């Protein structure tokens, strides 16, 4: 474009040097050039200058640059048309690309929204699951605590039962020792009774030998009275001793039986 303007400027300068008029006054010789101003609303993409561009001329004489200018004009118009088409094509491609990017963005937004919704749903479900599991764990923990307390109580009861059993065993051993002592004492009493019987017999023999000169009646009475007295005395002492020992044995046996029954109940309760 600058080249064309430069050529036109040089042509007008050459015409002034030759004495020619360059104005467009009617009736005078000069260059005539119809100038078409650039219209910004022009929508025809056929060329930059268009078919109505008139080049400078003098009557029927044509400038030496007119052919070159026409060639340049046509070349510029063709280049402009190609560039315009390329721009339209590029603009169309950009619009398609923009629409594709817009659709992609919308799809991404939809995917993100769906993913966020799914994540929220999954988070809610996971939270609900964790809450349920926590409740189950709390319930199981309470149950285990109760079981532990029950086991501790049973263990304490078992220890107390063991202590009671040990105490009962000791008492039973002591009572068995006492029973053995009573049996030994009863045996001693029996031996003493036998000794008393022997002594009585010896005494009776002595009394018989010393009183041979007494009358038979007195002898019989004395022997009878002495014998009766000794028999009564021995019988009373023996009966008294046996009665006391029997009572003591009965009390001891009753106590042993109670301890045995208590031990059995304790063992049964511990087994349950």
C-alpha atoms as a PDB file:
ATOM      1  CA  UNK A   1       0.000   0.000   0.000  1.00  0.00           C
ATOM      2  CA  UNK A   2       2.836   2.391   0.799  1.00  0.00           C
ATOM      3  CA  UNK A   3       4.462   1.484  -2.522  1.00  0.00           C
ATOM      4  CA  UNK A   4       1.332   2.446  -4.484  1.00  0.00           C
ATOM      5  CA  UNK A   5       1.037   5.771  -2.672  1.00  0.00           C
ATOM      6  CA  UNK A   6       4.714   6.442  -3.281  1.00  0.00           C
ATOM      7  CA  UNK A   7       4.298   5.740  -7.004  1.00  0.00           C
ATOM      8  CA  UNK A   8       1.300   8.056  -7.242  1.00  0.00           C
ATOM      9  CA  UNK A   9       3.236  10.794  -5.462  1.00  0.00           C
ATOM     10  CA  UNK A  10       6.175  10.484  -7.863  1.00  0.00           C
ATOM     11  CA  UNK A  11       3.870  10.554 -10.885  1.00  0.00           C
ATOM     12  CA  UNK A  12       2.215  13.785  -9.740  1.00  0.00           C
ATOM     13  CA  UNK A  13       5.621  15.355  -9.069  1.00  0.00           C
ATOM     14  CA  UNK A  14       6.777  14.471 -12.594  1.00  0.00           C
ATOM     15  CA  UNK A  15       3.637  16.030 -14.042  1.00  0.00           C
ATOM     16  CA  UNK A  16       4.307  19.331 -12.239  1.00  0.00           C
ATOM     17  CA  UNK A  17       7.800  19.436 -13.641  1.00  0.00           C
ATOM     18  CA  UNK A  18       6.343  19.080 -17.180  1.00  0.00           C
ATOM     19  CA  UNK A  19       4.028  22.055 -16.647  1.00  0.00           C
ATOM     20  CA  UNK A  20       0.863  20.059 -16.257  1.00  0.00           C
ATOM     21  CA  UNK A  21      -2.069  20.868 -14.016  1.00  0.00           C
ATOM     22  CA  UNK A  22      -2.800  18.364 -11.382  1.00  0.00           C
ATOM     23  CA  UNK A  23      -6.126  19.723 -10.320  1.00  0.00           C
ATOM     24  CA  UNK A  24      -9.447  18.427 -11.495  1.00  0.00           C
ATOM     25  CA  UNK A  25     -10.913  21.775 -12.655  1.00  0.00           C
ATOM     26  CA  UNK A  26     -13.379  21.273 -15.563  1.00  0.00           C
ATOM     27  CA  UNK A  27     -11.998  22.343 -18.968  1.00  0.00           C
ATOM     28  CA  UNK A  28      -8.376  22.060 -17.951  1.00  0.00           C
ATOM     29  CA  UNK A  29      -5.938  19.272 -18.693  1.00  0.00           C
ATOM     30  CA  UNK A  30      -4.909  17.316 -15.659  1.00  0.00           C
ATOM     31  CA  UNK A  31      -5.134  14.047 -13.840  1.00  0.00           C
ATOM     32  CA  UNK A  32      -8.521  12.817 -12.853  1.00  0.00           C
ATOM     33  CA  UNK A  33      -8.757  10.268 -10.079  1.00  0.00           C
ATOM     34  CA  UNK A  34     -11.933   9.150  -8.446  1.00  0.00           C
ATOM     35  CA  UNK A  35     -11.132   8.438  -4.784  1.00  0.00           C
ATOM     36  CA  UNK A  36     -13.303   5.938  -3.047  1.00  0.00           C
ATOM     37  CA  UNK A  37     -12.945   6.355   0.708  1.00  0.00           C
ATOM     38  CA  UNK A  38     -12.534   3.190   2.819  1.00  0.00           C
ATOM     39  CA  UNK A  39     -15.810   2.072   4.205  1.00  0.00           C
ATOM     40  CA  UNK A  40     -15.458   0.276   7.533  1.00  0.00           C
ATOM     41  CA  UNK A  41     -18.836  -1.385   7.034  1.00  0.00           C
ATOM     42  CA  UNK A  42     -17.749  -2.838   3.710  1.00  0.00           C
ATOM     43  CA  UNK A  43     -18.406  -6.554   3.856  1.00  0.00           C
ATOM     44  CA  UNK A  44     -17.296  -7.662   0.346  1.00  0.00           C
ATOM     45  CA  UNK A  45     -14.203  -9.808   0.815  1.00  0.00           C
ATOM     46  CA  UNK A  46     -13.376  -9.847  -2.937  1.00  0.00           C
ATOM     47  CA  UNK A  47     -10.457  -7.420  -2.606  1.00  0.00           C
ATOM     48  CA  UNK A  48      -8.866  -4.492  -0.863  1.00  0.00           C
ATOM     49  CA  UNK A  49      -9.402  -1.966  -3.692  1.00  0.00           C
ATOM     50  CA  UNK A  50     -12.401  -3.487  -5.439  1.00  0.00           C
ATOM     51  CA  UNK A  51     -13.410  -3.300  -9.096  1.00  0.00           C
ATOM     52  CA  UNK A  52     -14.341   0.414  -9.011  1.00  0.00           C
ATOM     53  CA  UNK A  53     -10.829   1.733  -8.326  1.00  0.00           C
ATOM     54  CA  UNK A  54      -9.772   4.196 -11.053  1.00  0.00           C
ATOM     55  CA  UNK A  55      -6.135   4.832 -11.695  1.00  0.00           C
ATOM     56  CA  UNK A  56      -4.807   8.311 -12.767  1.00  0.00           C
ATOM     57  CA  UNK A  57      -4.780   8.942 -16.519  1.00  0.00           C
ATOM     58  CA  UNK A  58      -4.417  11.840 -18.979  1.00  0.00           C
ATOM     59  CA  UNK A  59      -7.111  11.587 -21.587  1.00  0.00           C
ATOM     60  CA  UNK A  60      -6.517   8.552 -23.690  1.00  0.00           C
ATOM     61  CA  UNK A  61      -2.941   8.249 -22.500  1.00  0.00           C
ATOM     62  CA  UNK A  62      -2.203   5.789 -19.813  1.00  0.00           C
ATOM     63  CA  UNK A  63       0.499   6.081 -17.249  1.00  0.00           C
ATOM     64  CA  UNK A  64       3.441   3.737 -17.547  1.00  0.00           C
ATOM     65  CA  UNK A  65       2.721   2.454 -14.073  1.00  0.00           C
ATOM     66  CA  UNK A  66      -0.929   1.644 -14.733  1.00  0.00           C
ATOM     67  CA  UNK A  67      -0.290  -1.914 -15.876  1.00  0.00           C
ATOM     68  CA  UNK A  68       2.036  -2.522 -12.989  1.00  0.00           C
ATOM     69  CA  UNK A  69      -0.468  -0.973 -10.639  1.00  0.00           C
ATOM     70  CA  UNK A  70      -3.233  -3.215 -11.977  1.00  0.00           C
ATOM     71  CA  UNK A  71      -1.044  -6.242 -11.493  1.00  0.00           C
ATOM     72  CA  UNK A  72      -0.182  -5.113  -7.983  1.00  0.00           C
ATOM     73  CA  UNK A  73      -3.833  -4.387  -7.294  1.00  0.00           C
ATOM     74  CA  UNK A  74      -4.893  -7.799  -8.492  1.00  0.00           C
ATOM     75  CA  UNK A  75      -2.098  -9.454  -6.540  1.00  0.00           C
ATOM     76  CA  UNK A  76      -2.989  -7.497  -3.412  1.00  0.00           C
ATOM     77  CA  UNK A  77      -6.685  -8.322  -3.861  1.00  0.00           C
ATOM     78  CA  UNK A  78      -5.889 -12.020  -4.329  1.00  0.00           C
ATOM     79  CA  UNK A  79      -3.606 -12.025  -1.284  1.00  0.00           C
ATOM     80  CA  UNK A  80      -6.211 -10.153   0.713  1.00  0.00           C
ATOM     81  CA  UNK A  81      -8.904 -12.595  -0.380  1.00  0.00           C
ATOM     82  CA  UNK A  82      -6.707 -15.563   0.542  1.00  0.00           C
ATOM     83  CA  UNK A  83      -5.851 -13.987   3.864  1.00  0.00           C
ATOM     84  CA  UNK A  84      -9.508 -13.181   4.457  1.00  0.00           C
ATOM     85  CA  UNK A  85     -10.531 -16.755   3.701  1.00  0.00           C
ATOM     86  CA  UNK A  86      -7.739 -18.058   5.931  1.00  0.00           C
ATOM     87  CA  UNK A  87      -8.893 -15.755   8.702  1.00  0.00           C
ATOM     88  CA  UNK A  88     -12.516 -16.856   8.255  1.00  0.00           C
ATOM     89  CA  UNK A  89     -11.421 -20.494   8.255  1.00  0.00           C
ATOM     90  CA  UNK A  90      -9.226 -19.925  11.314  1.00  0.00           C
ATOM     91  CA  UNK A  91     -12.080 -18.061  13.001  1.00  0.00           C
ATOM     92  CA  UNK A  92     -14.446 -20.951  12.224  1.00  0.00           C
ATOM     93  CA  UNK A  93     -11.909 -23.419  13.581  1.00  0.00           C
ATOM     94  CA  UNK A  94     -11.442 -21.247  16.650  1.00  0.00           C
ATOM     95  CA  UNK A  95     -15.209 -21.125  17.132  1.00  0.00           C
ATOM     96  CA  UNK A  96     -15.392 -24.910  16.798  1.00  0.00           C
ATOM     97  CA  UNK A  97     -12.455 -25.272  19.184  1.00  0.00           C
ATOM     98  CA  UNK A  98     -14.056 -22.802  21.577  1.00  0.00           C
ATOM     99  CA  UNK A  99     -17.328 -24.737  21.464  1.00  0.00           C
ATOM    100  CA  UNK A 100     -15.447 -28.000  21.985  1.00  0.00           C
ATOM    101  CA  UNK A 101     -13.558 -26.490  24.918  1.00  0.00           C
ATOM    102  CA  UNK A 102     -16.805 -25.090  26.252  1.00  0.00           C
ATOM    103  CA  UNK A 103     -18.446 -28.516  25.957  1.00  0.00           C
ATOM    104  CA  UNK A 104     -15.393 -30.088  27.556  1.00  0.00           C
ATOM    105  CA  UNK A 105     -15.560 -27.582  30.403  1.00  0.00           C
ATOM    106  CA  UNK A 106     -19.270 -28.279  30.847  1.00  0.00           C
ATOM    107  CA  UNK A 107     -18.564 -32.004  30.835  1.00  0.00           C
ATOM    108  CA  UNK A 108     -15.802 -31.492  33.371  1.00  0.00           C
ATOM    109  CA  UNK A 109     -18.135 -29.402  35.510  1.00  0.00           C
ATOM    110  CA  UNK A 110     -20.777 -32.124  35.273  1.00  0.00           C
ATOM    111  CA  UNK A 111     -18.203 -34.813  36.089  1.00  0.00           C
ATOM    112  CA  UNK A 112     -16.893 -32.768  39.001  1.00  0.00           C
ATOM    113  CA  UNK A 113     -20.413 -32.138  40.281  1.00  0.00           C
ATOM    114  CA  UNK A 114     -21.283 -35.830  39.944  1.00  0.00           C
ATOM    115  CA  UNK A 115     -18.015 -36.817  41.574  1.00  0.00           C
ATOM    116  CA  UNK A 116     -18.549 -34.328  44.388  1.00  0.00           C
ATOM    117  CA  UNK A 117     -22.075 -35.656  44.887  1.00  0.00           C
ATOM    118  CA  UNK A 118     -20.813 -39.244  44.841  1.00  0.00           C
ATOM    119  CA  UNK A 119     -18.007 -38.332  47.226  1.00  0.00           C
ATOM    120  CA  UNK A 120     -20.496 -36.662  49.542  1.00  0.00           C
ATOM    121  CA  UNK A 121     -22.790 -39.692  49.346  1.00  0.00           C
ATOM    122  CA  UNK A 122     -19.851 -42.029  49.941  1.00  0.00           C
ATOM    123  CA  UNK A 123     -18.666 -39.856  52.822  1.00  0.00           C
ATOM    124  CA  UNK A 124     -22.153 -39.863  54.350  1.00  0.00           C
ATOM    125  CA  UNK A 125     -22.424 -43.634  53.952  1.00  0.00           C
ATOM    126  CA  UNK A 126     -18.934 -44.148  55.376  1.00  0.00           C
ATOM    127  CA  UNK A 127     -19.719 -41.813  58.265  1.00  0.00           C
ATOM    128  CA  UNK A 128     -22.952 -43.683  58.936  1.00  0.00           C
ATOM    129  CA  UNK A 129     -21.072 -46.986  58.786  1.00  0.00           C
ATOM    130  CA  UNK A 130     -18.442 -45.685  61.205  1.00  0.00           C
ATOM    131  CA  UNK A 131     -21.139 -44.421  63.573  1.00  0.00           C
ATOM    132  CA  UNK A 132     -22.832 -47.835  63.512  1.00  0.00           C
ATOM    133  CA  UNK A 133     -19.514 -49.607  64.038  1.00  0.00           C
ATOM    134  CA  UNK A 134     -18.696 -47.261  66.917  1.00  0.00           C
ATOM    135  CA  UNK A 135     -22.070 -48.011  68.502  1.00  0.00           C
ATOM    136  CA  UNK A 136     -21.428 -51.741  68.099  1.00  0.00           C
ATOM    137  CA  UNK A 137     -17.969 -51.383  69.615  1.00  0.00           C
ATOM    138  CA  UNK A 138     -19.385 -49.431  72.543  1.00  0.00           C
ATOM    139  CA  UNK A 139     -22.023 -52.101  73.087  1.00  0.00           C
ATOM    140  CA  UNK A 140     -19.434 -54.861  72.841  1.00  0.00           C
ATOM    141  CA  UNK A 141     -17.138 -52.952  75.194  1.00  0.00           C
ATOM    142  CA  UNK A 142     -19.960 -52.603  77.733  1.00  0.00           C
ATOM    143  CA  UNK A 143     -20.702 -56.321  77.403  1.00  0.00           C
ATOM    144  CA  UNK A 144     -17.024 -57.191  77.865  1.00  0.00           C
ATOM    145  CA  UNK A 145     -16.826 -54.913  80.894  1.00  0.00           C
ATOM    146  CA  UNK A 146     -19.845 -56.662  82.381  1.00  0.00           C
ATOM    147  CA  UNK A 147     -18.296 -60.057  81.643  1.00  0.00           C
ATOM    148  CA  UNK A 148     -15.036 -58.910  83.177  1.00  0.00           C
ATOM    149  CA  UNK A 149     -16.826 -57.678  86.292  1.00  0.00           C
ATOM    150  CA  UNK A 150     -18.695 -60.972  86.541  1.00  0.00           C
ATOM    151  CA  UNK A 151     -15.454 -62.904  86.147  1.00  0.00           C
ATOM    152  CA  UNK A 152     -13.767 -60.727  88.749  1.00  0.00           C
ATOM    153  CA  UNK A 153     -16.671 -61.323  91.117  1.00  0.00           C
ATOM    154  CA  UNK A 154     -16.553 -65.069  90.458  1.00  0.00           C
ATOM    155  CA  UNK A 155     -12.804 -65.016  90.984  1.00  0.00           C
ATOM    156  CA  UNK A 156     -13.246 -63.157  94.259  1.00  0.00           C
ATOM    157  CA  UNK A 157     -15.980 -65.580  95.295  1.00  0.00           C
ATOM    158  CA  UNK A 158     -13.728 -68.460  94.295  1.00  0.00           C
ATOM    159  CA  UNK A 159     -10.921 -67.048  96.425  1.00  0.00           C
ATOM    160  CA  UNK A 160     -13.294 -66.634  99.346  1.00  0.00           C
ATOM    161  CA  UNK A 161     -14.560 -70.170  98.772  1.00  0.00           C
ATOM    162  CA  UNK A 162     -11.005 -71.462  98.709  1.00  0.00           C
ATOM    163  CA  UNK A 163     -10.291 -69.620 101.940  1.00  0.00           C
ATOM    164  CA  UNK A 164     -13.446 -71.087 103.475  1.00  0.00           C
ATOM    165  CA  UNK A 165     -12.455 -74.538 102.260  1.00  0.00           C
ATOM    166  CA  UNK A 166      -9.019 -74.150 103.756  1.00  0.00           C
ATOM    167  CA  UNK A 167     -10.581 -72.987 107.011  1.00  0.00           C
ATOM    168  CA  UNK A 168     -12.998 -75.922 106.961  1.00  0.00           C
ATOM    169  CA  UNK A 169     -10.166 -78.315 106.233  1.00  0.00           C
ATOM    170  CA  UNK A 170      -8.203 -76.929 109.143  1.00  0.00           C
ATOM    171  CA  UNK A 171     -11.245 -77.146 111.422  1.00  0.00           C
ATOM    172  CA  UNK A 172     -11.960 -80.646 110.186  1.00  0.00           C
ATOM    173  CA  UNK A 173      -8.374 -81.650 110.875  1.00  0.00           C
ATOM    174  CA  UNK A 174      -8.574 -80.172 114.353  1.00  0.00           C
ATOM    175  CA  UNK A 175     -11.868 -81.937 115.012  1.00  0.00           C
ATOM    176  CA  UNK A 176     -10.468 -85.191 113.702  1.00  0.00           C
ATOM    177  CA  UNK A 177      -7.549 -84.769 116.066  1.00  0.00           C
ATOM    178  CA  UNK A 178      -9.984 -84.081 118.911  1.00  0.00           C
ATOM    179  CA  UNK A 179     -12.017 -87.127 117.908  1.00  0.00           C
ATOM    180  CA  UNK A 180      -8.864 -89.214 117.891  1.00  0.00           C
ATOM    181  CA  UNK A 181      -7.983 -87.845 121.313  1.00  0.00           C
ATOM    182  CA  UNK A 182     -11.484 -88.710 122.548  1.00  0.00           C
ATOM    183  CA  UNK A 183     -11.118 -92.216 121.201  1.00  0.00           C
ATOM    184  CA  UNK A 184      -7.789 -92.526 122.947  1.00  0.00           C
ATOM    185  CA  UNK A 185      -9.356 -91.195 126.150  1.00  0.00           C
ATOM    186  CA  UNK A 186     -12.231 -93.659 125.839  1.00  0.00           C
ATOM    187  CA  UNK A 187      -9.702 -96.431 125.413  1.00  0.00           C
ATOM    188  CA  UNK A 188      -7.914 -95.183 128.519  1.00  0.00           C
ATOM    189  CA  UNK A 189     -11.192 -95.154 130.443  1.00  0.00           C
ATOM    190  CA  UNK A 190     -11.874 -98.681 129.287  1.00  0.00           C
ATOM    191  CA  UNK A 191      -8.445 -99.767 130.450  1.00  0.00           C
ATOM    192  CA  UNK A 192      -8.970 -97.976 133.746  1.00  0.00           C
ATOM    193  CA  UNK A 193     -12.298 -99.763 134.122  1.00  0.00           C
ATOM    194  CA  UNK A 194     -10.545-103.081 133.545  1.00  0.00           C
ATOM    195  CA  UNK A 195      -7.889-102.108 136.077  1.00  0.00           C
ATOM    196  CA  UNK A 196     -10.594-101.172 138.574  1.00  0.00           C
ATOM    197  CA  UNK A 197     -12.250-104.535 138.001  1.00  0.00           C
ATOM    198  CA  UNK A 198      -8.945-106.292 138.618  1.00  0.00           C
ATOM    199  CA  UNK A 199      -8.264-104.223 141.732  1.00  0.00           C
ATOM    200  CA  UNK A 200     -11.744-104.966 142.964  1.00  0.00           C
ATOM    201  CA  UNK A 201     -11.138-108.631 142.482  1.00  0.00           C
ATOM    202  CA  UNK A 202      -7.818-108.411 144.288  1.00  0.00           C
ATOM    203  CA  UNK A 203      -9.412-106.441 147.111  1.00  0.00           C
ATOM    204  CA  UNK A 204     -12.161-108.982 147.331  1.00  0.00           C
ATOM    205  CA  UNK A 205      -9.620-111.782 147.560  1.00  0.00           C
ATOM    206  CA  UNK A 206      -7.703-109.950 150.296  1.00  0.00           C
ATOM    207  CA  UNK A 207     -10.833-109.271 152.267  1.00  0.00           C
ATOM    208  CA  UNK A 208     -11.812-112.890 151.927  1.00  0.00           C
ATOM    209  CA  UNK A 209      -8.463-114.120 153.254  1.00  0.00           C
ATOM    210  CA  UNK A 210      -8.438-111.688 156.217  1.00  0.00           C
ATOM    211  CA  UNK A 211     -11.924-112.489 157.430  1.00  0.00           C
ATOM    212  CA  UNK A 212     -11.803-116.256 157.459  1.00  0.00           C
ATOM    213  CA  UNK A 213     -12.501-116.314 161.200  1.00  0.00           C
ATOM    214  CA  UNK A 214     -15.647-114.211 160.887  1.00  0.00           C
ATOM    215  CA  UNK A 215     -18.939-115.856 160.776  1.00  0.00           C
ATOM    216  CA  UNK A 216     -20.245-116.912 157.525  1.00  0.00           C
ATOM    217  CA  UNK A 217     -23.160-114.516 157.797  1.00  0.00           C
ATOM    218  CA  UNK A 218     -21.003-111.484 158.597  1.00  0.00           C
ATOM    219  CA  UNK A 219     -18.564-112.525 155.946  1.00  0.00           C
ATOM    220  CA  UNK A 220     -21.307-112.768 153.399  1.00  0.00           C
ATOM    221  CA  UNK A 221     -22.804-109.437 154.408  1.00  0.00           C
ATOM    222  CA  UNK A 222     -19.456-107.631 154.366  1.00  0.00           C
ATOM    223  CA  UNK A 223     -18.470-109.109 151.082  1.00  0.00           C
ATOM    224  CA  UNK A 224     -21.862-108.357 149.667  1.00  0.00           C
ATOM    225  CA  UNK A 225     -21.906-104.807 150.944  1.00  0.00           C
ATOM    226  CA  UNK A 226     -18.347-104.128 149.803  1.00  0.00           C
ATOM    227  CA  UNK A 227     -18.954-105.711 146.475  1.00  0.00           C
ATOM    228  CA  UNK A 228     -22.181-103.835 146.004  1.00  0.00           C
ATOM    229  CA  UNK A 229     -20.586-100.560 147.014  1.00  0.00           C
ATOM    230  CA  UNK A 230     -17.658-100.998 144.667  1.00  0.00           C
ATOM    231  CA  UNK A 231     -19.872-102.153 141.848  1.00  0.00           C
ATOM    232  CA  UNK A 232     -22.195 -99.207 142.316  1.00  0.00           C
ATOM    233  CA  UNK A 233     -19.279 -96.782 142.533  1.00  0.00           C
ATOM    234  CA  UNK A 234     -17.566 -98.188 139.477  1.00  0.00           C
ATOM    235  CA  UNK A 235     -20.829 -98.323 137.549  1.00  0.00           C
ATOM    236  CA  UNK A 236     -21.704 -94.745 138.438  1.00  0.00           C
ATOM    237  CA  UNK A 237     -18.277 -93.418 137.521  1.00  0.00           C
ATOM    238  CA  UNK A 238     -18.166 -95.441 134.370  1.00  0.00           C
ATOM    239  CA  UNK A 239     -21.675 -94.400 133.333  1.00  0.00           C
ATOM    240  CA  UNK A 240     -20.930 -90.780 134.165  1.00  0.00           C
ATOM    241  CA  UNK A 241     -17.724 -90.847 132.167  1.00  0.00           C
ATOM    242  CA  UNK A 242     -19.300 -92.674 129.240  1.00  0.00           C
ATOM    243  CA  UNK A 243     -22.256 -90.272 129.269  1.00  0.00           C
ATOM    244  CA  UNK A 244     -19.967 -87.234 129.250  1.00  0.00           C
ATOM    245  CA  UNK A 245     -17.778 -88.669 126.551  1.00  0.00           C
ATOM    246  CA  UNK A 246     -20.797 -89.725 124.517  1.00  0.00           C
ATOM    247  CA  UNK A 247     -22.280 -86.245 124.741  1.00  0.00           C
ATOM    248  CA  UNK A 248     -18.970 -84.746 123.774  1.00  0.00           C
ATOM    249  CA  UNK A 249     -18.659 -87.196 120.877  1.00  0.00           C
ATOM    250  CA  UNK A 250     -22.191 -86.433 119.718  1.00  0.00           C
ATOM    251  CA  UNK A 251     -21.533 -82.706 119.827  1.00  0.00           C
ATOM    252  CA  UNK A 252     -18.274 -83.184 117.963  1.00  0.00           C
ATOM    253  CA  UNK A 253     -19.902 -85.505 115.408  1.00  0.00           C
ATOM    254  CA  UNK A 254     -22.758 -83.048 114.863  1.00  0.00           C
ATOM    255  CA  UNK A 255     -20.287 -80.246 114.372  1.00  0.00           C
ATOM    256  CA  UNK A 256     -18.304 -82.368 111.924  1.00  0.00           C
ATOM    257  CA  UNK A 257     -21.495 -83.203 110.001  1.00  0.00           C
ATOM    258  CA  UNK A 258     -22.454 -79.520 109.801  1.00  0.00           C
ATOM    259  CA  UNK A 259     -18.999 -78.609 108.552  1.00  0.00           C
ATOM    260  CA  UNK A 260     -19.180 -81.377 105.941  1.00  0.00           C
ATOM    261  CA  UNK A 261     -22.614 -80.214 104.730  1.00  0.00           C
ATOM    262  CA  UNK A 262     -21.408 -76.618 104.597  1.00  0.00           C
ATOM    263  CA  UNK A 263     -18.369 -77.731 102.628  1.00  0.00           C
ATOM    264  CA  UNK A 264     -20.575 -79.635 100.156  1.00  0.00           C
ATOM    265  CA  UNK A 265     -22.843 -76.609  99.619  1.00  0.00           C
ATOM    266  CA  UNK A 266     -19.820 -74.396  99.098  1.00  0.00           C
ATOM    267  CA  UNK A 267     -18.403 -76.803  96.534  1.00  0.00           C
ATOM    268  CA  UNK A 268     -21.749 -76.962  94.701  1.00  0.00           C
ATOM    269  CA  UNK A 269     -22.058 -73.154  94.634  1.00  0.00           C
ATOM    270  CA  UNK A 270     -18.514 -72.861  93.332  1.00  0.00           C
ATOM    271  CA  UNK A 271     -19.251 -75.397  90.594  1.00  0.00           C
ATOM    272  CA  UNK A 272     -22.339 -73.428  89.482  1.00  0.00           C
END
